[in-house]
Every structure is written in C-alpha cells, then in structure tokens.
Amino acid sequence: MDNRDSEFLKRIQATFRVEAEEHIKSFSSGLIELEKTQTKEDITVIIETMFREVHSLKGAARSIGQKEIESICQPLESLFSALKRHENTLNQATYDLFYKSVEVLSKLVSA
C-alpha cells in the first residue's frame, strides 16, 4: 500500500468515525426519549428512527470492514424489527441491552 492509499484509508476511517458517532448519539437520544414516551404513536416513531440509525451504522461499518460493530448492529436491528412488528415488547432487560450496546459501540468507534 502506497502513501496515497494509506492517507485515503485514514480519511475514510475518520469519516466513518464521525458518521458512526452521530448514529450512536441519535440512537442514545432516541433511547432516552423512548423511556419517557407513553403514547404508542410516539413509541412507534422513535423505534423506527432508532431502527434506521442502527441499520445505517451497520451498513457504514460493513463498508469499511468493521465486523465487530456490524455484529452488534445486526441483532439490534432484528430486535427493532420485532418491536416494530409487535413481536417483542420493551422492558427493563431490553433497555439494559440497548444502553450496554451504546456503551460498547461507542468504545469500538473511538478505538
């Protein structure tokens, strides 16, 4: 790999990091809103937004070979799909999983 390729790779990774941090921040904010929200309509909108954030983060991670991030996003995406289809419900264990996921994803992105 020559110097130009190395610089290009560094720029791509920096761009990914910024984008990933934005997705994680939106996911985290959505989580806080979700805990405060009571109406089914608002919950549905927040879940859809969080699903899209996780889906976008997974795609960005896949595009630059960040398998660990992708492997965390995939089950989160599946859980949001189940929530959207009302096949799963929000409970303390679900919130704990979401918060732990935010923590782990944040660490992986900043590493």
Protein backbone atom coordinates (compact mmCIF):
# COMPACT_ATOMS: atom_id res chain seq x y z
CA MET A 1 0.00 0.00 0.00
CA ASP A 2 1.49 3.30 -1.00
CA ASN A 3 1.23 6.55 0.92
CA ARG A 4 -1.82 7.78 -1.05
CA ASP A 5 -3.73 4.60 -0.23
CA SER A 6 -2.79 4.94 3.41
CA GLU A 7 -3.98 8.56 3.51
CA PHE A 8 -7.21 7.65 1.73
CA LEU A 9 -7.84 4.84 4.23
CA LYS A 10 -7.23 7.23 7.14
CA ARG A 11 -9.73 9.72 5.68
CA ILE A 12 -12.35 7.02 5.15
CA GLN A 13 -11.90 5.79 8.73
CA ALA A 14 -12.15 9.35 10.09
CA THR A 15 -15.32 9.92 8.08
CA PHE A 16 -16.74 6.64 9.37
CA ARG A 17 -15.91 7.61 12.95
CA VAL A 18 -17.77 10.94 12.64
CA GLU A 19 -20.76 9.28 10.98
CA ALA A 20 -20.79 6.43 13.50
CA GLU A 21 -20.66 8.84 16.44
CA GLU A 22 -23.67 10.68 15.01
CA HIS A 23 -25.64 7.43 14.63
CA ILE A 24 -24.76 6.37 18.17
CA LYS A 25 -25.70 9.80 19.55
CA SER A 26 -29.07 9.66 17.77
CA PHE A 27 -29.60 6.08 18.97
CA SER A 28 -28.78 7.12 22.54
CA SER A 29 -31.06 10.18 22.37
CA GLY A 30 -33.84 8.01 20.96
CA LEU A 31 -33.38 5.61 23.83
CA ILE A 32 -33.80 8.39 26.39
CA GLU A 33 -36.90 9.65 24.55
CA LEU A 34 -38.28 6.12 24.33
CA GLU A 35 -38.08 5.73 28.10
CA LYS A 36 -40.01 8.99 28.61
CA THR A 37 -42.66 8.39 25.96
CA GLN A 38 -46.02 6.88 26.75
CA THR A 39 -48.09 7.12 23.56
CA LYS A 40 -47.99 4.21 21.15
CA GLU A 41 -47.72 6.56 18.17
CA ASP A 42 -44.64 8.29 19.57
CA ILE A 43 -43.08 4.97 20.56
CA THR A 44 -43.61 3.68 17.01
CA VAL A 45 -41.91 6.74 15.50
CA ILE A 46 -38.95 6.53 17.90
CA ILE A 47 -38.47 2.79 17.30
CA GLU A 48 -38.49 3.37 13.53
CA THR A 49 -35.91 6.16 13.88
CA MET A 50 -33.68 4.03 16.10
CA PHE A 51 -34.01 1.11 13.67
CA ARG A 52 -32.80 3.36 10.82
CA GLU A 53 -29.85 4.63 12.89
CA VAL A 54 -28.72 1.09 13.71
CA HIS A 55 -29.28 -0.02 10.11
CA SER A 56 -27.22 2.90 8.78
CA LEU A 57 -24.44 2.28 11.30
CA LYS A 58 -24.38 -1.40 10.33
CA GLY A 59 -24.08 -0.51 6.64
CA ALA A 60 -21.32 2.02 7.27
CA ALA A 61 -19.43 -0.48 9.42
CA ARG A 62 -19.79 -3.16 6.75
CA SER A 63 -18.48 -0.81 4.07
CA ILE A 64 -15.16 -0.36 5.85
CA GLY A 65 -14.84 -3.86 7.29
CA GLN A 66 -15.72 -3.07 10.92
CA LYS A 67 -17.05 -6.57 11.66
CA GLU A 68 -17.37 -6.07 15.43
CA ILE A 69 -19.64 -3.06 15.03
CA GLU A 70 -21.62 -4.79 12.31
CA SER A 71 -22.05 -7.88 14.52
CA ILE A 72 -23.55 -5.75 17.32
CA CYS A 73 -25.84 -3.82 14.98
CA GLN A 74 -27.34 -6.89 13.31
CA PRO A 75 -29.13 -8.29 16.39
CA LEU A 76 -30.15 -4.77 17.45
CA GLU A 77 -31.70 -4.29 14.02
CA SER A 78 -33.53 -7.61 14.40
CA LEU A 79 -34.81 -6.59 17.82
CA PHE A 80 -36.11 -3.28 16.46
CA SER A 81 -37.80 -5.16 13.61
CA ALA A 82 -39.51 -7.41 16.18
CA LEU A 83 -40.57 -4.34 18.18
CA LYS A 84 -41.96 -2.72 15.02
CA ARG A 85 -43.99 -5.89 14.31
CA HIS A 86 -45.14 -6.01 17.96
CA GLU A 87 -43.48 -9.45 18.34
CA ASN A 88 -41.44 -8.16 21.28
CA THR A 89 -42.06 -5.60 24.00
CA LEU A 90 -39.93 -3.01 25.71
CA ASN A 91 -38.93 -3.97 29.23
CA GLN A 92 -36.03 -3.31 31.60
CA ALA A 93 -33.91 -6.08 30.04
CA THR A 94 -34.41 -4.53 26.59
CA TYR A 95 -33.40 -1.09 27.84
CA ASP A 96 -30.37 -2.56 29.61
CA LEU A 97 -29.33 -4.27 26.35
CA PHE A 98 -29.75 -1.02 24.41
CA TYR A 99 -27.69 1.01 26.90
CA LYS A 100 -24.95 -1.63 27.02
CA SER A 101 -24.92 -1.68 23.20
CA VAL A 102 -24.47 2.11 23.10
CA GLU A 103 -21.57 1.80 25.54
CA VAL A 104 -19.83 -0.97 23.58
CA LEU A 105 -20.42 0.69 20.19
CA SER A 106 -19.04 3.98 21.50
CA LYS A 107 -15.89 2.25 22.71
CA LEU A 108 -15.43 0.40 19.43
CA VAL A 109 -15.87 3.56 17.35
CA SER A 110 -13.44 5.58 19.45
CA ALA A 111 -10.82 2.80 19.46
